[in-house]
Each structure stands twice: as structure tokens, then as C-alpha cells.
Amino acid sequence: ALSSVDRDGFEHWEVVLVDDGSPVDPRPLIAPFLKDDRFCYVPTAHGGIAAALNRGLRHARGRWTAFLDQDDRSLPDRFQRQIAFGEAHGDAIAVVYSDYERIDERGRVIDRYVSRAVPHDRLVRECLSDRGPIALGTVLCRTDWLRCAGGFDPDLSGFDECDLFIRLALAGAEFGYLPGIVHQWRRHGGNTMKSPEFQAARLRFLAKLERTAEADERLRAVLPAFQGRSWYAVGLYHAERGSWGEALRWC
């Protein structure tokens, strides 16, 4: 992950490296990078993904912010292309997003996700669809917009990025799609999407959307379809584990 940023070709960056309570001291491994003062090491007690992202955001000094998990890769020329695209639109665009590849544990490409441009009035609907257009690893955000939105919700680990995009869209942020692969997301046995905690976060996210929809007609109009898909996803999770009573109840 760190080497991929170093190979980007764009020079005017900083990396805020948040250590979310690592059980093994990472400093011997990252020592070569810390010789470059563009890398900043921030150790903290374990608080989860969203808390770590928020900690990094508090330390960020740049006008634009991107997020990179420790097992993923950023691809060359990403930042130069995305920043040029964002700056060309002045203050009109708050979020630039692009395409990504999935890779396996050895770094081999599994498949490719090509996104699409979405009109602002359909953004909330598309973010809550089966094939949401925006993946956090491809995103470049204006830092001031992220801070005004309050960053990530630590109670929604796994759904915190979708929650953030919806809050930004409802607040009026404009999203711009720049075609091209900019990120590689690594699939491995430690991914959290099949965990019971992920399913619990899914239901907390749904409950938060239901509360927000009470006062926002835009969200209220698209929520029923997302409710159905969420309940069905929880049902499938239980079915895969042979908990047929729970599967039937949710499905």
C-alpha cells in the first residue's frame, strides 16, 4: 500500500498512516518510509475502521483526501489525474470517484468494476442500489466537505462509507466520475463482509436511514427497495449458516 503511493508519479502528497492498535509493532516494517517526511505515523488505541479513518482525517493537511486500506493498492497517476479533474471544476465538485479492480492475496487481478456517471438527483438512489457507483478506495474528496459532513460514523463499520456518501449527497455535494482504474481492492479470508458484526452494522445503517427519511422526502422515496434488499441479505447470511428459522424470518 505505501509503496504504491510512492510510485504514483505525483509528488505533492502526505500519507497519514494510522495504526489502529496493531497487535504487532509495525514500526520496523514502515521505518524506511518514515525517512520521507511526507509519511506521518499516528499510533492509536484500537477503535475500528471508521474511527481510524476519522483520526487520519483530523491529521490531514491537504485540500484533497483519499483513503487506502493497508492491504490494497493505489495505481500510478491516480492522484494527478483525479486532482486535475477536480480542480478543473473549481469548487463545483466535492467528490471524484473512478473504477477499481479486485485482486487476490497474491496480487492477481480477479475482475474489474467499471462505474458510471450519476446525475445528482439520482445519486442517493444509486448509492443504495445493488450496484452502487462509488467505492471508497477510488474516491478523492475535498477535505473541507468531509469535515463538514462529520467524517465517518464509527457505529456503522462496513457501511460507514455508503452512509458518508449519502450524507454528502443530501447536503448538496456534487460527485464527479472520472473513468479509469485507480485502485486495487484485495480479497482475502480476513475481509469482514461475512461476519455477524457486518450484518449487525447493516441493520444499524438501515435504522439510521429510516430515521433520516422521516424528515427527507428524497430518501423516503428510495428507502423501501433498500429495506427489502437489506432484510434479504441478512436472511441469506443465516441460510448460508443453516439457521433456517432466522433465514425465513428475514427473507
Protein backbone atom coordinates (compact mmCIF):
# COMPACT_ATOMS: atom_id res chain seq x y z
CA ALA A 1 0.00 0.00 0.00
CA LEU A 2 2.70 2.51 0.98
CA SER A 3 4.92 1.64 -1.97
CA SER A 4 2.00 2.12 -4.35
CA VAL A 5 1.56 5.72 -3.21
CA ASP A 6 5.29 6.32 -3.50
CA ARG A 7 5.18 5.12 -7.12
CA ASP A 8 2.24 7.30 -8.11
CA GLY A 9 4.26 9.90 -10.01
CA PHE A 10 2.54 12.79 -8.22
CA GLU A 11 4.81 14.40 -5.62
CA HIS A 12 2.67 16.80 -3.58
CA TRP A 13 1.09 14.41 -1.11
CA GLU A 14 1.27 13.32 2.50
CA VAL A 15 0.41 9.91 3.96
CA VAL A 16 -1.17 9.88 7.40
CA LEU A 17 -0.50 6.32 8.48
CA VAL A 18 -2.98 5.43 11.24
CA ASP A 19 -2.04 2.40 13.36
CA ASP A 20 -5.38 1.18 14.72
CA GLY A 21 -4.00 -0.69 17.72
CA SER A 22 -1.91 -3.20 15.73
CA PRO A 23 -1.15 -6.31 17.85
CA VAL A 24 2.34 -6.40 16.28
CA ASP A 25 4.53 -3.29 16.29
CA PRO A 26 4.57 -2.13 12.63
CA ARG A 27 7.36 0.42 13.02
CA PRO A 28 10.25 -1.86 11.95
CA LEU A 29 8.40 -2.54 8.68
CA ILE A 30 7.48 1.07 7.96
CA ALA A 31 10.77 2.61 9.14
CA PRO A 32 12.13 3.01 5.56
CA PHE A 33 9.06 5.04 4.60
CA LEU A 34 9.24 7.28 7.67
CA LYS A 35 12.60 8.59 6.43
CA ASP A 36 10.47 10.54 3.94
CA ASP A 37 8.80 13.34 5.92
CA ARG A 38 5.69 13.05 3.72
CA PHE A 39 4.83 9.93 5.76
CA CYS A 40 3.33 10.65 9.18
CA TYR A 41 2.84 7.78 11.67
CA VAL A 42 -0.13 8.13 14.04
CA PRO A 43 -0.47 5.30 16.62
CA THR A 44 -3.81 4.99 18.41
CA ALA A 45 -5.78 2.51 20.52
CA HIS A 46 -7.92 0.10 18.52
CA GLY A 47 -11.23 1.74 17.63
CA GLY A 48 -12.24 0.17 14.33
CA ILE A 49 -12.10 1.23 10.70
CA ALA A 50 -14.29 4.35 10.89
CA ALA A 51 -12.51 5.67 13.98
CA ALA A 52 -9.15 5.16 12.26
CA LEU A 53 -10.34 6.99 9.14
CA ASN A 54 -11.56 9.88 11.29
CA ARG A 55 -8.24 10.02 13.11
CA GLY A 56 -6.44 10.28 9.78
CA LEU A 57 -8.85 12.96 8.61
CA ARG A 58 -8.11 15.06 11.70
CA HIS A 59 -4.40 14.99 10.86
CA ALA A 60 -4.79 15.62 7.11
CA ARG A 61 -3.46 18.94 5.84
CA GLY A 62 -4.22 18.64 2.13
CA ARG A 63 -7.06 20.21 0.19
CA TRP A 64 -7.98 16.72 -1.08
CA THR A 65 -8.13 13.46 0.89
CA ALA A 66 -8.09 9.82 -0.26
CA PHE A 67 -8.32 6.63 1.82
CA LEU A 68 -6.24 3.46 1.37
CA ASP A 69 -6.51 0.27 3.44
CA GLN A 70 -3.26 -1.44 4.36
CA ASP A 71 -3.90 -4.46 2.09
CA ASP A 72 -4.90 -2.52 -1.05
CA ARG A 73 -3.03 -0.64 -3.76
CA SER A 74 -3.28 2.77 -5.37
CA LEU A 75 -2.35 2.75 -9.08
CA PRO A 76 0.14 5.11 -10.82
CA ASP A 77 -1.00 8.56 -12.00
CA ARG A 78 -4.15 8.30 -9.93
CA PHE A 79 -3.74 11.49 -7.89
CA GLN A 80 -2.50 13.68 -10.72
CA ARG A 81 -5.47 12.68 -12.90
CA GLN A 82 -8.12 12.94 -10.19
CA ILE A 83 -6.86 16.22 -8.74
CA ALA A 84 -6.65 17.79 -12.21
CA PHE A 85 -10.23 16.67 -12.86
CA GLY A 86 -11.48 18.03 -9.53
CA GLU A 87 -9.61 21.33 -9.76
CA ALA A 88 -10.80 21.88 -13.35
CA HIS A 89 -14.34 22.15 -11.98
CA GLY A 90 -13.44 24.76 -9.36
CA ASP A 91 -15.46 24.30 -6.20
CA ALA A 92 -18.31 22.59 -8.02
CA ILE A 93 -17.16 19.01 -7.35
CA ALA A 94 -16.66 17.75 -3.79
CA VAL A 95 -16.00 14.08 -4.63
CA VAL A 96 -14.15 12.49 -7.54
CA TYR A 97 -14.61 8.73 -7.99
CA SER A 98 -13.31 6.19 -10.52
CA ASP A 99 -13.04 2.45 -11.22
CA TYR A 100 -11.22 -0.38 -9.43
CA GLU A 101 -10.00 -3.98 -9.72
CA ARG A 102 -10.31 -6.83 -7.25
CA ILE A 103 -7.11 -8.77 -6.65
CA ASP A 104 -6.38 -11.98 -4.74
CA GLU A 105 -3.91 -12.49 -1.90
CA ARG A 106 -1.04 -12.79 -4.39
CA GLY A 107 -1.99 -9.59 -6.20
CA ARG A 108 -3.51 -11.27 -9.27
CA VAL A 109 -6.48 -9.49 -10.86
CA ILE A 110 -9.81 -11.28 -10.30
CA ASP A 111 -12.16 -8.87 -12.04
CA ARG A 112 -12.77 -5.20 -12.74
CA TYR A 113 -15.52 -2.85 -11.58
CA VAL A 114 -16.29 -0.08 -14.06
CA SER A 115 -18.59 2.55 -12.57
CA ARG A 116 -20.63 5.27 -14.29
CA ALA A 117 -21.59 8.93 -14.03
CA VAL A 118 -24.74 9.56 -11.99
CA PRO A 119 -26.91 12.70 -12.13
CA HIS A 120 -27.08 14.45 -8.76
CA ASP A 121 -30.83 13.89 -8.39
CA ARG A 122 -30.33 10.10 -8.70
CA LEU A 123 -27.23 9.82 -6.52
CA VAL A 124 -28.95 8.69 -3.30
CA ARG A 125 -30.98 6.08 -5.18
CA GLU A 126 -27.87 4.74 -6.94
CA CYS A 127 -25.81 4.61 -3.74
CA LEU A 128 -28.49 2.39 -2.20
CA SER A 129 -28.78 0.15 -5.27
CA ASP A 130 -27.34 -3.35 -5.72
CA ARG A 131 -24.51 -1.90 -7.79
CA GLY A 132 -23.57 1.32 -6.03
CA PRO A 133 -21.38 3.57 -8.19
CA ILE A 134 -18.85 4.69 -5.58
CA ALA A 135 -16.16 2.69 -3.78
CA LEU A 136 -14.22 4.50 -1.06
CA GLY A 137 -10.87 3.24 -2.34
CA THR A 138 -11.38 5.11 -5.63
CA VAL A 139 -12.55 8.34 -4.05
CA LEU A 140 -10.78 11.68 -3.79
CA CYS A 141 -12.73 14.09 -1.54
CA ARG A 142 -12.39 17.75 -0.73
CA THR A 143 -11.20 17.70 2.87
CA ASP A 144 -13.43 20.56 3.98
CA TRP A 145 -16.53 18.70 2.74
CA LEU A 146 -15.51 15.59 4.69
CA ARG A 147 -15.09 17.59 7.86
CA CYS A 148 -18.35 19.49 7.40
CA ALA A 149 -20.14 16.15 7.00
CA GLY A 150 -18.67 14.94 10.29
CA GLY A 151 -16.49 12.21 8.80
CA PHE A 152 -17.38 8.53 9.22
CA ASP A 153 -19.90 7.03 11.64
CA PRO A 154 -17.96 4.57 13.91
CA ASP A 155 -21.17 2.69 14.66
CA LEU A 156 -21.54 1.57 11.03
CA SER A 157 -18.29 -0.26 10.30
CA GLY A 158 -18.66 -1.77 6.83
CA PHE A 159 -21.44 0.64 5.87
CA ASP A 160 -19.72 3.82 7.02
CA GLU A 161 -18.64 4.79 3.50
CA CYS A 162 -22.14 4.44 1.99
CA ASP A 163 -23.51 6.42 4.93
CA LEU A 164 -20.95 9.17 4.27
CA PHE A 165 -21.75 9.38 0.54
CA ILE A 166 -25.47 9.66 1.24
CA ARG A 167 -24.95 12.38 3.85
CA LEU A 168 -22.73 14.29 1.41
CA ALA A 169 -25.28 13.95 -1.39
CA LEU A 170 -28.16 15.06 0.82
CA ALA A 171 -26.06 18.06 1.89
CA GLY A 172 -25.66 19.12 -1.75
CA ALA A 173 -22.18 17.81 -2.58
CA GLU A 174 -21.53 17.23 -6.28
CA PHE A 175 -19.87 13.96 -7.34
CA GLY A 176 -17.77 13.67 -10.49
CA TYR A 177 -16.95 10.40 -12.26
CA LEU A 178 -13.50 10.09 -13.87
CA PRO A 179 -13.23 6.83 -15.86
CA GLY A 180 -10.18 4.63 -15.36
CA ILE A 181 -8.84 2.06 -12.87
CA VAL A 182 -7.22 3.89 -9.93
CA HIS A 183 -7.37 1.31 -7.12
CA GLN A 184 -6.94 -2.40 -6.41
CA TRP A 185 -9.03 -3.94 -3.63
CA ARG A 186 -7.63 -7.16 -2.18
CA ARG A 187 -9.98 -10.07 -1.45
CA HIS A 188 -8.84 -12.43 1.30
CA GLY A 189 -10.06 -14.52 4.21
CA GLY A 190 -9.92 -11.60 6.60
CA ASN A 191 -12.50 -9.48 4.74
CA THR A 192 -15.31 -8.58 7.12
CA MET A 193 -18.36 -8.85 4.83
CA LYS A 194 -19.30 -12.37 6.02
CA SER A 195 -19.07 -11.61 9.74
CA PRO A 196 -22.01 -11.30 12.15
CA GLU A 197 -20.74 -7.82 13.05
CA PHE A 198 -21.15 -6.79 9.41
CA GLN A 199 -24.79 -7.93 9.42
CA ALA A 200 -25.44 -6.07 12.68
CA ALA A 201 -23.94 -2.93 11.14
CA ARG A 202 -26.17 -3.41 8.10
CA LEU A 203 -29.26 -3.25 10.32
CA ARG A 204 -27.95 -0.24 12.25
CA PHE A 205 -27.35 1.54 8.93
CA LEU A 206 -30.89 0.71 7.82
CA ALA A 207 -32.29 2.06 11.10
CA LYS A 208 -30.30 5.28 10.66
CA LEU A 209 -31.66 5.70 7.12
CA GLU A 210 -35.20 5.14 8.38
CA ARG A 211 -34.74 7.92 10.97
CA THR A 212 -33.29 10.29 8.38
CA ALA A 213 -36.06 9.50 5.89
CA GLU A 214 -38.68 10.78 8.31
CA ALA A 215 -37.52 14.32 7.53
CA ASP A 216 -36.20 13.88 3.98
CA GLU A 217 -38.51 13.04 1.10
CA ARG A 218 -35.61 12.22 -1.26
CA LEU A 219 -34.51 9.37 0.97
CA ARG A 220 -38.05 8.32 1.85
CA ALA A 221 -38.82 7.71 -1.82
CA VAL A 222 -35.99 5.20 -2.36
CA LEU A 223 -35.84 3.53 1.05
CA PRO A 224 -38.37 0.67 0.62
CA ALA A 225 -36.31 -1.10 -2.06
CA PHE A 226 -33.18 -0.85 0.07
CA GLN A 227 -35.07 -2.17 3.10
CA GLY A 228 -36.10 -5.26 1.15
CA ARG A 229 -32.59 -5.95 -0.14
CA SER A 230 -31.13 -5.48 3.35
CA TRP A 231 -33.55 -7.90 5.01
CA TYR A 232 -32.94 -10.44 2.24
CA ALA A 233 -29.15 -10.12 2.63
CA VAL A 234 -29.45 -10.84 6.35
CA GLY A 235 -31.67 -13.81 5.52
CA LEU A 236 -29.09 -15.20 3.08
CA TYR A 237 -26.38 -14.81 5.72
CA HIS A 238 -28.37 -17.02 8.09
CA ALA A 239 -29.25 -19.50 5.33
CA GLU A 240 -25.57 -19.98 4.49
CA ARG A 241 -25.03 -20.99 8.13
CA GLY A 242 -28.01 -23.33 8.31
CA SER A 243 -30.07 -21.07 10.62
CA TRP A 244 -33.24 -21.69 8.64
CA GLY A 245 -35.67 -20.10 11.10
CA GLU A 246 -33.78 -16.80 11.04
CA ALA A 247 -33.31 -17.07 7.28
CA LEU A 248 -37.05 -17.48 6.74
CA ARG A 249 -37.87 -14.62 9.10
CA TRP A 250 -35.61 -12.13 7.33
CA CYS A 251 -36.23 -13.29 3.77
